[in-house]
Amino acid sequence: MRIASHVWPGSELLFLARAEGWLDASRVALLETASATESMRALAEERADGAALTLDEVLRLRAGGVPLSVVLVFDISAGADVLLARPGIERLAALRGRRIGVERGAVGALILGQVLREAGLSAGEVMPVALSIDRHEAVWREGDLDALITYEPVAGRLLDAGARRLFDRRSLPDTIVDVLAIRTAVLDGGSGEAVRHLIAAHLRGLAHLANHPQDAAFRMAPRLQLPPDRVLATFRGLVLPDRDNNRRLLAGPAPALLASARRLSALMVALGLLPREDALAGLLRAAFLPGDEP
């Protein structure tokens, strides 16, 4: 089974598990991509069986004819996505007429919309520049942007280089989550044990982060391209659900994530990001989470 993922702290525990030998490469291969866009392309072209994506990206792929189901929630953002600005831009209202880098999709659209509302600006008063995450840092350092909507670990490196944080997703709580999405046909085609193994490996990495944070930080630093003493800061603003919280989000007659997906689907239609609301049939599959055994 092939799982695509770009660099993002919430899904980084999969790579920690691989490095520590907790993830059997003969059962699950991790496909490293430069951006979520590349991961989505790998799914659409059937070069990947699953991917670490935001929920809005899952809904977009489903609308495009790629049947996917969510089997795990990696994280819920509570401030991990930020708007950074050049020194001298001290207030959101000062973004009028400025070039703002933003990734295409619901996350970027939601954050930019909230920024404009808080700044008292209309969409036509700023100049959005569409950029995938793998281009954020280079374009910022080239000086072609006045502000940038981005996330860790890029945000941390740019803050170190002098960027200013003007806004973060704490103003949009529980709006976007990062999930593990698997092709529905793969889930129904006999790969259930590999999926369970993958989820168990992530949860083992999560436990290691909780119990041995400094060791986990040291081991994750190279792929995040950060010094070890900066790694743990990238997880601030992220809620990392354990097994029980994943059950609350994905299982039962009224799973919490289903209500979030319904709201998000309606919002994406309103933003023009989906042609119609997703019926959400088969979106959540909790059966691959570990049971109640010790």
C-alpha atoms as a PDB file:
ATOM      1  CA  MET A   1       0.000   0.000   0.000  1.00  0.00           C
ATOM      2  CA  ARG A   2       1.386   3.404  -1.014  1.00  0.00           C
ATOM      3  CA  ILE A   3       0.632   6.505   1.065  1.00  0.00           C
ATOM      4  CA  ALA A   4       1.529   9.991  -0.183  1.00  0.00           C
ATOM      5  CA  SER A   5       2.453  12.798   2.209  1.00  0.00           C
ATOM      6  CA  HIS A   6       4.237  16.136   2.052  1.00  0.00           C
ATOM      7  CA  VAL A   7       6.106  17.610   5.013  1.00  0.00           C
ATOM      8  CA  TRP A   8       3.614  18.584   7.737  1.00  0.00           C
ATOM      9  CA  PRO A   9       4.020  18.049  11.505  1.00  0.00           C
ATOM     10  CA  GLY A  10       0.670  16.289  11.924  1.00  0.00           C
ATOM     11  CA  SER A  11       1.566  13.438   9.570  1.00  0.00           C
ATOM     12  CA  GLU A  12       5.279  13.443  10.395  1.00  0.00           C
ATOM     13  CA  LEU A  13       4.756  10.715  12.988  1.00  0.00           C
ATOM     14  CA  LEU A  14       4.323   8.254  10.098  1.00  0.00           C
ATOM     15  CA  PHE A  15       7.877   9.031   9.030  1.00  0.00           C
ATOM     16  CA  LEU A  16       9.111   8.765  12.609  1.00  0.00           C
ATOM     17  CA  ALA A  17       7.482   5.325  12.754  1.00  0.00           C
ATOM     18  CA  ARG A  18       9.173   4.333   9.496  1.00  0.00           C
ATOM     19  CA  ALA A  19      12.581   5.498  10.721  1.00  0.00           C
ATOM     20  CA  GLU A  20      12.196   3.582  13.979  1.00  0.00           C
ATOM     21  CA  GLY A  21      11.121   0.365  12.285  1.00  0.00           C
ATOM     22  CA  TRP A  22       7.544   0.501  13.601  1.00  0.00           C
ATOM     23  CA  LEU A  23       6.191   0.706  10.054  1.00  0.00           C
ATOM     24  CA  ASP A  24       6.812  -2.375   7.921  1.00  0.00           C
ATOM     25  CA  ALA A  25       7.914  -1.092   4.503  1.00  0.00           C
ATOM     26  CA  SER A  26       6.902  -4.384   2.899  1.00  0.00           C
ATOM     27  CA  ARG A  27       3.304  -3.632   3.899  1.00  0.00           C
ATOM     28  CA  VAL A  28       3.142   0.163   3.625  1.00  0.00           C
ATOM     29  CA  ALA A  29       5.370   2.453   1.539  1.00  0.00           C
ATOM     30  CA  LEU A  30       5.425   6.196   2.210  1.00  0.00           C
ATOM     31  CA  LEU A  31       5.558   8.325  -0.933  1.00  0.00           C
ATOM     32  CA  GLU A  32       7.211  11.648  -0.120  1.00  0.00           C
ATOM     33  CA  THR A  33       5.727  14.557  -2.088  1.00  0.00           C
ATOM     34  CA  ALA A  34       6.510  18.260  -2.288  1.00  0.00           C
ATOM     35  CA  SER A  35       2.958  19.454  -1.619  1.00  0.00           C
ATOM     36  CA  ALA A  36      -0.616  18.375  -1.017  1.00  0.00           C
ATOM     37  CA  THR A  37      -1.272  19.167  -4.682  1.00  0.00           C
ATOM     38  CA  GLU A  38       1.284  16.527  -5.672  1.00  0.00           C
ATOM     39  CA  SER A  39      -0.251  14.029  -3.233  1.00  0.00           C
ATOM     40  CA  MET A  40      -3.691  14.671  -4.732  1.00  0.00           C
ATOM     41  CA  ARG A  41      -2.301  14.148  -8.218  1.00  0.00           C
ATOM     42  CA  ALA A  42      -0.738  10.847  -7.145  1.00  0.00           C
ATOM     43  CA  LEU A  43      -4.133   9.688  -5.872  1.00  0.00           C
ATOM     44  CA  ALA A  44      -5.954  10.817  -9.007  1.00  0.00           C
ATOM     45  CA  GLU A  45      -3.404   9.013 -11.196  1.00  0.00           C
ATOM     46  CA  GLU A  46      -3.568   5.882  -8.993  1.00  0.00           C
ATOM     47  CA  ARG A  47       0.122   6.119  -8.073  1.00  0.00           C
ATOM     48  CA  ALA A  48      -0.947   6.235  -4.417  1.00  0.00           C
ATOM     49  CA  ASP A  49      -3.544   4.271  -2.478  1.00  0.00           C
ATOM     50  CA  GLY A  50      -3.991   6.929   0.174  1.00  0.00           C
ATOM     51  CA  ALA A  51      -2.644  10.269   1.330  1.00  0.00           C
ATOM     52  CA  ALA A  52      -2.322  12.693   4.224  1.00  0.00           C
ATOM     53  CA  LEU A  53      -4.670  15.532   3.235  1.00  0.00           C
ATOM     54  CA  THR A  54      -6.883  18.204   4.686  1.00  0.00           C
ATOM     55  CA  LEU A  55     -10.565  17.327   4.767  1.00  0.00           C
ATOM     56  CA  ASP A  56     -11.382  19.903   2.088  1.00  0.00           C
ATOM     57  CA  GLU A  57      -8.855  18.235  -0.230  1.00  0.00           C
ATOM     58  CA  VAL A  58     -10.580  14.905   0.354  1.00  0.00           C
ATOM     59  CA  LEU A  59     -13.923  16.468  -0.592  1.00  0.00           C
ATOM     60  CA  ARG A  60     -12.415  17.972  -3.749  1.00  0.00           C
ATOM     61  CA  LEU A  61     -11.020  14.621  -4.846  1.00  0.00           C
ATOM     62  CA  ARG A  62     -14.334  12.902  -4.166  1.00  0.00           C
ATOM     63  CA  ALA A  63     -16.079  15.539  -6.277  1.00  0.00           C
ATOM     64  CA  GLY A  64     -13.552  14.784  -9.030  1.00  0.00           C
ATOM     65  CA  GLY A  65     -14.435  11.105  -9.088  1.00  0.00           C
ATOM     66  CA  VAL A  66     -11.834   9.662  -6.703  1.00  0.00           C
ATOM     67  CA  PRO A  67     -13.729   7.644  -4.045  1.00  0.00           C
ATOM     68  CA  LEU A  68     -11.963   8.180  -0.717  1.00  0.00           C
ATOM     69  CA  SER A  69     -12.701   7.390   2.909  1.00  0.00           C
ATOM     70  CA  VAL A  70     -11.148   8.930   6.023  1.00  0.00           C
ATOM     71  CA  VAL A  71      -9.720   6.320   8.412  1.00  0.00           C
ATOM     72  CA  LEU A  72      -7.719   8.527  10.815  1.00  0.00           C
ATOM     73  CA  VAL A  73      -7.542  12.135  11.979  1.00  0.00           C
ATOM     74  CA  PHE A  74      -3.947  13.314  12.297  1.00  0.00           C
ATOM     75  CA  ASP A  75      -4.654  16.721  13.779  1.00  0.00           C
ATOM     76  CA  ILE A  76      -7.074  19.570  14.285  1.00  0.00           C
ATOM     77  CA  SER A  77      -5.546  22.975  13.713  1.00  0.00           C
ATOM     78  CA  ALA A  78      -5.986  25.644  16.364  1.00  0.00           C
ATOM     79  CA  GLY A  79      -3.493  28.209  15.149  1.00  0.00           C
ATOM     80  CA  ALA A  80      -0.958  26.237  13.096  1.00  0.00           C
ATOM     81  CA  ASP A  81      -1.798  28.095   9.868  1.00  0.00           C
ATOM     82  CA  VAL A  82      -0.686  31.707   9.892  1.00  0.00           C
ATOM     83  CA  LEU A  83      -0.549  34.882   7.864  1.00  0.00           C
ATOM     84  CA  LEU A  84       2.963  36.317   7.869  1.00  0.00           C
ATOM     85  CA  ALA A  85       3.818  39.834   6.745  1.00  0.00           C
ATOM     86  CA  ARG A  86       6.943  41.826   5.950  1.00  0.00           C
ATOM     87  CA  PRO A  87       8.391  44.043   8.681  1.00  0.00           C
ATOM     88  CA  GLY A  88       6.630  47.398   8.505  1.00  0.00           C
ATOM     89  CA  ILE A  89       3.206  45.869   7.902  1.00  0.00           C
ATOM     90  CA  GLU A  90       1.886  46.080  11.428  1.00  0.00           C
ATOM     91  CA  ARG A  91      -1.901  45.759  10.981  1.00  0.00           C
ATOM     92  CA  LEU A  92      -4.194  43.668   8.814  1.00  0.00           C
ATOM     93  CA  ALA A  93      -5.682  46.844   7.323  1.00  0.00           C
ATOM     94  CA  ALA A  94      -2.224  47.651   5.945  1.00  0.00           C
ATOM     95  CA  LEU A  95      -2.607  44.717   3.529  1.00  0.00           C
ATOM     96  CA  ARG A  96      -4.652  46.906   1.165  1.00  0.00           C
ATOM     97  CA  GLY A  97      -3.046  46.727  -2.283  1.00  0.00           C
ATOM     98  CA  ARG A  98      -0.514  44.089  -1.162  1.00  0.00           C
ATOM     99  CA  ARG A  99       0.493  40.791  -2.778  1.00  0.00           C
ATOM    100  CA  ILE A 100      -0.547  37.864  -0.545  1.00  0.00           C
ATOM    101  CA  GLY A 101       0.706  34.349  -1.278  1.00  0.00           C
ATOM    102  CA  VAL A 102      -1.896  31.659  -0.602  1.00  0.00           C
ATOM    103  CA  GLU A 103      -2.321  27.989  -1.444  1.00  0.00           C
ATOM    104  CA  ARG A 104      -5.355  27.128  -3.567  1.00  0.00           C
ATOM    105  CA  GLY A 105      -8.150  25.346  -1.712  1.00  0.00           C
ATOM    106  CA  ALA A 106     -10.574  25.798   1.126  1.00  0.00           C
ATOM    107  CA  VAL A 107      -7.949  26.362   3.835  1.00  0.00           C
ATOM    108  CA  GLY A 108      -6.350  29.253   1.995  1.00  0.00           C
ATOM    109  CA  ALA A 109      -9.727  30.680   0.973  1.00  0.00           C
ATOM    110  CA  LEU A 110     -11.100  30.461   4.512  1.00  0.00           C
ATOM    111  CA  ILE A 111      -8.095  32.109   6.120  1.00  0.00           C
ATOM    112  CA  LEU A 112      -7.851  34.832   3.475  1.00  0.00           C
ATOM    113  CA  GLY A 113     -11.576  35.511   3.838  1.00  0.00           C
ATOM    114  CA  GLN A 114     -11.289  35.827   7.613  1.00  0.00           C
ATOM    115  CA  VAL A 115      -8.230  38.062   7.278  1.00  0.00           C
ATOM    116  CA  LEU A 116     -10.120  40.376   4.932  1.00  0.00           C
ATOM    117  CA  ARG A 117     -13.138  40.510   7.252  1.00  0.00           C
ATOM    118  CA  GLU A 118     -10.980  41.411  10.246  1.00  0.00           C
ATOM    119  CA  ALA A 119      -9.046  43.944   8.164  1.00  0.00           C
ATOM    120  CA  GLY A 120     -12.223  45.580   6.830  1.00  0.00           C
ATOM    121  CA  LEU A 121     -11.077  44.948   3.244  1.00  0.00           C
ATOM    122  CA  SER A 122     -12.836  43.525   0.194  1.00  0.00           C
ATOM    123  CA  ALA A 123     -11.396  40.750  -1.990  1.00  0.00           C
ATOM    124  CA  GLY A 124     -10.602  43.267  -4.713  1.00  0.00           C
ATOM    125  CA  GLU A 125      -8.423  45.346  -2.410  1.00  0.00           C
ATOM    126  CA  VAL A 126      -5.631  42.744  -2.190  1.00  0.00           C
ATOM    127  CA  MET A 127      -3.692  40.766  -4.798  1.00  0.00           C
ATOM    128  CA  PRO A 128      -3.737  37.013  -4.054  1.00  0.00           C
ATOM    129  CA  VAL A 129      -0.852  35.008  -5.527  1.00  0.00           C
ATOM    130  CA  ALA A 130      -1.568  31.270  -5.863  1.00  0.00           C
ATOM    131  CA  LEU A 131       1.365  29.197  -4.576  1.00  0.00           C
ATOM    132  CA  SER A 132       1.736  25.551  -3.578  1.00  0.00           C
ATOM    133  CA  ILE A 133       3.515  24.975  -0.259  1.00  0.00           C
ATOM    134  CA  ASP A 134       6.783  23.851  -1.877  1.00  0.00           C
ATOM    135  CA  ARG A 135       7.161  27.362  -3.376  1.00  0.00           C
ATOM    136  CA  HIS A 136       6.257  29.432  -0.303  1.00  0.00           C
ATOM    137  CA  GLU A 137       9.703  29.842   1.174  1.00  0.00           C
ATOM    138  CA  ALA A 138      11.561  30.511  -2.080  1.00  0.00           C
ATOM    139  CA  VAL A 139       9.079  33.089  -3.362  1.00  0.00           C
ATOM    140  CA  TRP A 140       9.041  34.831   0.029  1.00  0.00           C
ATOM    141  CA  ARG A 141      12.835  35.010   0.142  1.00  0.00           C
ATOM    142  CA  GLU A 142      12.876  36.392  -3.424  1.00  0.00           C
ATOM    143  CA  GLY A 143      10.893  39.357  -2.099  1.00  0.00           C
ATOM    144  CA  ASP A 144       7.928  38.921  -4.426  1.00  0.00           C
ATOM    145  CA  LEU A 145       5.297  38.868  -1.653  1.00  0.00           C
ATOM    146  CA  ASP A 146       4.146  41.296   1.009  1.00  0.00           C
ATOM    147  CA  ALA A 147       2.331  38.646   3.039  1.00  0.00           C
ATOM    148  CA  LEU A 148       1.930  34.876   2.980  1.00  0.00           C
ATOM    149  CA  ILE A 149      -0.607  32.389   4.331  1.00  0.00           C
ATOM    150  CA  THR A 150       1.460  29.345   5.242  1.00  0.00           C
ATOM    151  CA  TYR A 151       2.094  26.729   7.930  1.00  0.00           C
ATOM    152  CA  GLU A 152       4.828  24.833   9.741  1.00  0.00           C
ATOM    153  CA  PRO A 153       7.647  24.115   9.261  1.00  0.00           C
ATOM    154  CA  VAL A 154       7.872  26.893   6.642  1.00  0.00           C
ATOM    155  CA  ALA A 155       6.270  29.416   8.996  1.00  0.00           C
ATOM    156  CA  GLY A 156       8.882  28.848  11.694  1.00  0.00           C
ATOM    157  CA  ARG A 157      11.778  29.328   9.307  1.00  0.00           C
ATOM    158  CA  LEU A 158      10.321  32.556   7.917  1.00  0.00           C
ATOM    159  CA  LEU A 159       9.607  33.902  11.405  1.00  0.00           C
ATOM    160  CA  ASP A 160      13.262  33.244  12.228  1.00  0.00           C
ATOM    161  CA  ALA A 161      14.158  35.243   9.118  1.00  0.00           C
ATOM    162  CA  GLY A 162      12.187  38.282  10.292  1.00  0.00           C
ATOM    163  CA  ALA A 163       8.614  37.760   9.102  1.00  0.00           C
ATOM    164  CA  ARG A 164       5.824  38.997  11.399  1.00  0.00           C
ATOM    165  CA  ARG A 165       2.810  36.923  12.461  1.00  0.00           C
ATOM    166  CA  LEU A 166      -0.372  38.946  11.897  1.00  0.00           C
ATOM    167  CA  PHE A 167      -3.060  36.250  12.004  1.00  0.00           C
ATOM    168  CA  ASP A 168      -3.489  32.571  12.794  1.00  0.00           C
ATOM    169  CA  ARG A 169      -6.241  29.966  12.641  1.00  0.00           C
ATOM    170  CA  ARG A 170      -7.255  30.391  16.268  1.00  0.00           C
ATOM    171  CA  SER A 171      -9.914  32.675  14.773  1.00  0.00           C
ATOM    172  CA  LEU A 172     -11.260  29.649  12.858  1.00  0.00           C
ATOM    173  CA  PRO A 173     -11.368  26.849  15.471  1.00  0.00           C
ATOM    174  CA  ASP A 174     -12.234  23.281  14.403  1.00  0.00           C
ATOM    175  CA  THR A 175     -12.707  24.332  10.788  1.00  0.00           C
ATOM    176  CA  ILE A 176     -10.056  22.245   9.023  1.00  0.00           C
ATOM    177  CA  VAL A 177      -8.577  18.912  10.033  1.00  0.00           C
ATOM    178  CA  ASP A 178      -5.768  16.838   8.553  1.00  0.00           C
ATOM    179  CA  VAL A 179      -6.681  13.240   7.863  1.00  0.00           C
ATOM    180  CA  LEU A 180      -5.501   9.962   6.406  1.00  0.00           C
ATOM    181  CA  ALA A 181      -7.678   9.202   3.390  1.00  0.00           C
ATOM    182  CA  ILE A 182      -7.587   5.853   1.591  1.00  0.00           C
ATOM    183  CA  ARG A 183      -9.144   4.819  -1.705  1.00  0.00           C
ATOM    184  CA  THR A 184     -12.442   3.153  -0.888  1.00  0.00           C
ATOM    185  CA  ALA A 185     -11.650   0.310  -3.303  1.00  0.00           C
ATOM    186  CA  VAL A 186      -8.412  -0.390  -1.411  1.00  0.00           C
ATOM    187  CA  LEU A 187     -10.286  -0.567   1.895  1.00  0.00           C
ATOM    188  CA  ASP A 188     -12.776  -2.987   0.393  1.00  0.00           C
ATOM    189  CA  GLY A 189     -10.180  -4.994  -1.507  1.00  0.00           C
ATOM    190  CA  GLY A 190      -8.328  -6.871   1.195  1.00  0.00           C
ATOM    191  CA  SER A 191      -5.860  -4.237   2.457  1.00  0.00           C
ATOM    192  CA  GLY A 192      -7.509  -3.841   5.844  1.00  0.00           C
ATOM    193  CA  GLU A 193      -4.600  -5.300   7.804  1.00  0.00           C
ATOM    194  CA  ALA A 194      -2.128  -2.932   6.126  1.00  0.00           C
ATOM    195  CA  VAL A 195      -4.375   0.009   7.007  1.00  0.00           C
ATOM    196  CA  ARG A 196      -4.601  -1.144  10.629  1.00  0.00           C
ATOM    197  CA  HIS A 197      -0.819  -1.541  10.727  1.00  0.00           C
ATOM    198  CA  LEU A 198      -0.355   1.983   9.352  1.00  0.00           C
ATOM    199  CA  ILE A 199      -2.720   3.524  11.909  1.00  0.00           C
ATOM    200  CA  ALA A 200      -1.068   1.596  14.740  1.00  0.00           C
ATOM    201  CA  ALA A 201       2.339   2.886  13.601  1.00  0.00           C
ATOM    202  CA  HIS A 202       1.097   6.480  13.666  1.00  0.00           C
ATOM    203  CA  LEU A 203      -0.386   6.020  17.152  1.00  0.00           C
ATOM    204  CA  ARG A 204       2.900   4.520  18.365  1.00  0.00           C
ATOM    205  CA  GLY A 205       4.710   7.571  17.012  1.00  0.00           C
ATOM    206  CA  LEU A 206       2.176   9.805  18.762  1.00  0.00           C
ATOM    207  CA  ALA A 207       2.780   8.002  22.064  1.00  0.00           C
ATOM    208  CA  HIS A 208       6.544   8.401  21.594  1.00  0.00           C
ATOM    209  CA  LEU A 209       6.102  12.136  21.010  1.00  0.00           C
ATOM    210  CA  ALA A 210       4.019  12.413  24.193  1.00  0.00           C
ATOM    211  CA  ASN A 211       6.323  10.316  26.361  1.00  0.00           C
ATOM    212  CA  HIS A 212       9.733  11.236  24.919  1.00  0.00           C
ATOM    213  CA  PRO A 213       9.283  14.631  23.251  1.00  0.00           C
ATOM    214  CA  GLN A 214      12.956  15.598  23.094  1.00  0.00           C
ATOM    215  CA  ASP A 215      13.969  12.297  21.540  1.00  0.00           C
ATOM    216  CA  ALA A 216      11.105  12.506  19.039  1.00  0.00           C
ATOM    217  CA  ALA A 217      12.097  16.078  18.167  1.00  0.00           C
ATOM    218  CA  PHE A 218      15.706  15.046  17.526  1.00  0.00           C
ATOM    219  CA  ARG A 219      14.590  12.233  15.221  1.00  0.00           C
ATOM    220  CA  MET A 220      12.076  14.346  13.276  1.00  0.00           C
ATOM    221  CA  ALA A 221      14.335  17.380  12.817  1.00  0.00           C
ATOM    222  CA  PRO A 222      16.105  16.328   9.570  1.00  0.00           C
ATOM    223  CA  ARG A 223      12.927  15.829   7.527  1.00  0.00           C
ATOM    224  CA  LEU A 224      11.341  18.987   8.927  1.00  0.00           C
ATOM    225  CA  GLN A 225      14.586  20.851   8.112  1.00  0.00           C
ATOM    226  CA  LEU A 226      14.622  22.436  11.536  1.00  0.00           C
ATOM    227  CA  PRO A 227      17.057  22.362  14.447  1.00  0.00           C
ATOM    228  CA  PRO A 228      15.863  19.861  17.070  1.00  0.00           C
ATOM    229  CA  ASP A 229      15.088  22.600  19.595  1.00  0.00           C
ATOM    230  CA  ARG A 230      12.553  24.130  17.166  1.00  0.00           C
ATOM    231  CA  VAL A 231      10.644  20.961  16.297  1.00  0.00           C
ATOM    232  CA  LEU A 232       8.251  20.847  19.239  1.00  0.00           C
ATOM    233  CA  ALA A 233       7.163  24.425  18.530  1.00  0.00           C
ATOM    234  CA  THR A 234       5.757  23.289  15.169  1.00  0.00           C
ATOM    235  CA  PHE A 235       3.166  21.202  17.044  1.00  0.00           C
ATOM    236  CA  ARG A 236       1.826  24.180  18.976  1.00  0.00           C
ATOM    237  CA  GLY A 237      -1.572  25.049  17.633  1.00  0.00           C
ATOM    238  CA  LEU A 238      -2.239  21.409  16.719  1.00  0.00           C
ATOM    239  CA  VAL A 239      -4.550  19.039  18.570  1.00  0.00           C
ATOM    240  CA  LEU A 240      -3.320  15.478  17.947  1.00  0.00           C
ATOM    241  CA  PRO A 241      -6.188  13.026  18.557  1.00  0.00           C
ATOM    242  CA  ASP A 242      -5.281   9.708  20.167  1.00  0.00           C
ATOM    243  CA  ARG A 243      -7.178   6.455  19.607  1.00  0.00           C
ATOM    244  CA  ASP A 244     -10.125   7.395  21.814  1.00  0.00           C
ATOM    245  CA  ASN A 245     -10.512  10.847  20.292  1.00  0.00           C
ATOM    246  CA  ASN A 246     -10.300   9.360  16.817  1.00  0.00           C
ATOM    247  CA  ARG A 247     -13.217   7.127  17.776  1.00  0.00           C
ATOM    248  CA  ARG A 248     -15.177  10.184  18.883  1.00  0.00           C
ATOM    249  CA  LEU A 249     -14.436  11.898  15.605  1.00  0.00           C
ATOM    250  CA  LEU A 250     -15.041   8.966  13.256  1.00  0.00           C
ATOM    251  CA  ALA A 251     -17.306   6.397  14.936  1.00  0.00           C
ATOM    252  CA  GLY A 252     -20.797   6.068  16.326  1.00  0.00           C
ATOM    253  CA  PRO A 253     -24.204   7.235  15.125  1.00  0.00           C
ATOM    254  CA  ALA A 254     -23.192  10.922  15.098  1.00  0.00           C
ATOM    255  CA  PRO A 255     -19.411  11.187  14.626  1.00  0.00           C
ATOM    256  CA  ALA A 256     -18.085  14.680  15.258  1.00  0.00           C
ATOM    257  CA  LEU A 257     -16.155  14.825  11.980  1.00  0.00           C
ATOM    258  CA  LEU A 258     -19.285  14.157   9.933  1.00  0.00           C
ATOM    259  CA  ALA A 259     -20.882  17.374  11.181  1.00  0.00           C
ATOM    260  CA  SER A 260     -17.677  19.277  10.404  1.00  0.00           C
ATOM    261  CA  ALA A 261     -17.569  17.760   6.908  1.00  0.00           C
ATOM    262  CA  ARG A 262     -21.167  18.765   6.271  1.00  0.00           C
ATOM    263  CA  ARG A 263     -20.449  22.380   7.242  1.00  0.00           C
ATOM    264  CA  LEU A 264     -17.243  22.422   5.240  1.00  0.00           C
ATOM    265  CA  SER A 265     -18.927  20.972   2.154  1.00  0.00           C
ATOM    266  CA  ALA A 266     -21.606  23.679   2.221  1.00  0.00           C
ATOM    267  CA  LEU A 267     -18.969  26.375   2.706  1.00  0.00           C
ATOM    268  CA  MET A 268     -16.899  25.057  -0.208  1.00  0.00           C
ATOM    269  CA  VAL A 269     -19.942  25.207  -2.489  1.00  0.00           C
ATOM    270  CA  ALA A 270     -20.482  28.810  -1.404  1.00  0.00           C
ATOM    271  CA  LEU A 271     -16.816  29.594  -2.165  1.00  0.00           C
ATOM    272  CA  GLY A 272     -17.043  27.941  -5.584  1.00  0.00           C
ATOM    273  CA  LEU A 273     -14.632  25.162  -4.585  1.00  0.00           C
ATOM    274  CA  LEU A 274     -17.175  22.353  -5.043  1.00  0.00           C
ATOM    275  CA  PRO A 275     -19.859  22.065  -7.732  1.00  0.00           C
ATOM    276  CA  ARG A 276     -22.339  20.614  -5.234  1.00  0.00           C
ATOM    277  CA  GLU A 277     -22.414  19.456  -1.644  1.00  0.00           C
ATOM    278  CA  ASP A 278     -20.929  16.027  -0.920  1.00  0.00           C
ATOM    279  CA  ALA A 279     -23.556  13.521   0.209  1.00  0.00           C
ATOM    280  CA  LEU A 280     -20.800  12.237   2.585  1.00  0.00           C
ATOM    281  CA  ALA A 281     -21.771   8.581   2.037  1.00  0.00           C
ATOM    282  CA  GLY A 282     -18.843   6.360   3.018  1.00  0.00           C
ATOM    283  CA  LEU A 283     -16.686   9.329   3.972  1.00  0.00           C
ATOM    284  CA  LEU A 284     -15.769   8.030   7.438  1.00  0.00           C
ATOM    285  CA  ARG A 285     -14.509   4.487   8.123  1.00  0.00           C
ATOM    286  CA  ALA A 286     -13.674   3.925  11.800  1.00  0.00           C
ATOM    287  CA  ALA A 287     -13.398   0.142  11.546  1.00  0.00           C
ATOM    288  CA  PHE A 288      -9.622   0.264  11.046  1.00  0.00           C
ATOM    289  CA  LEU A 289      -8.886   2.007  14.347  1.00  0.00           C
ATOM    290  CA  PRO A 290      -7.449  -0.201  17.122  1.00  0.00           C
ATOM    291  CA  GLY A 291     -10.009  -1.876  19.350  1.00  0.00           C
ATOM    292  CA  ASP A 292     -10.267  -1.670  23.097  1.00  0.00           C
ATOM    293  CA  GLU A 293      -7.540  -4.195  23.746  1.00  0.00           C
ATOM    294  CA  PRO A 294      -4.575  -2.968  25.836  1.00  0.00           C
END
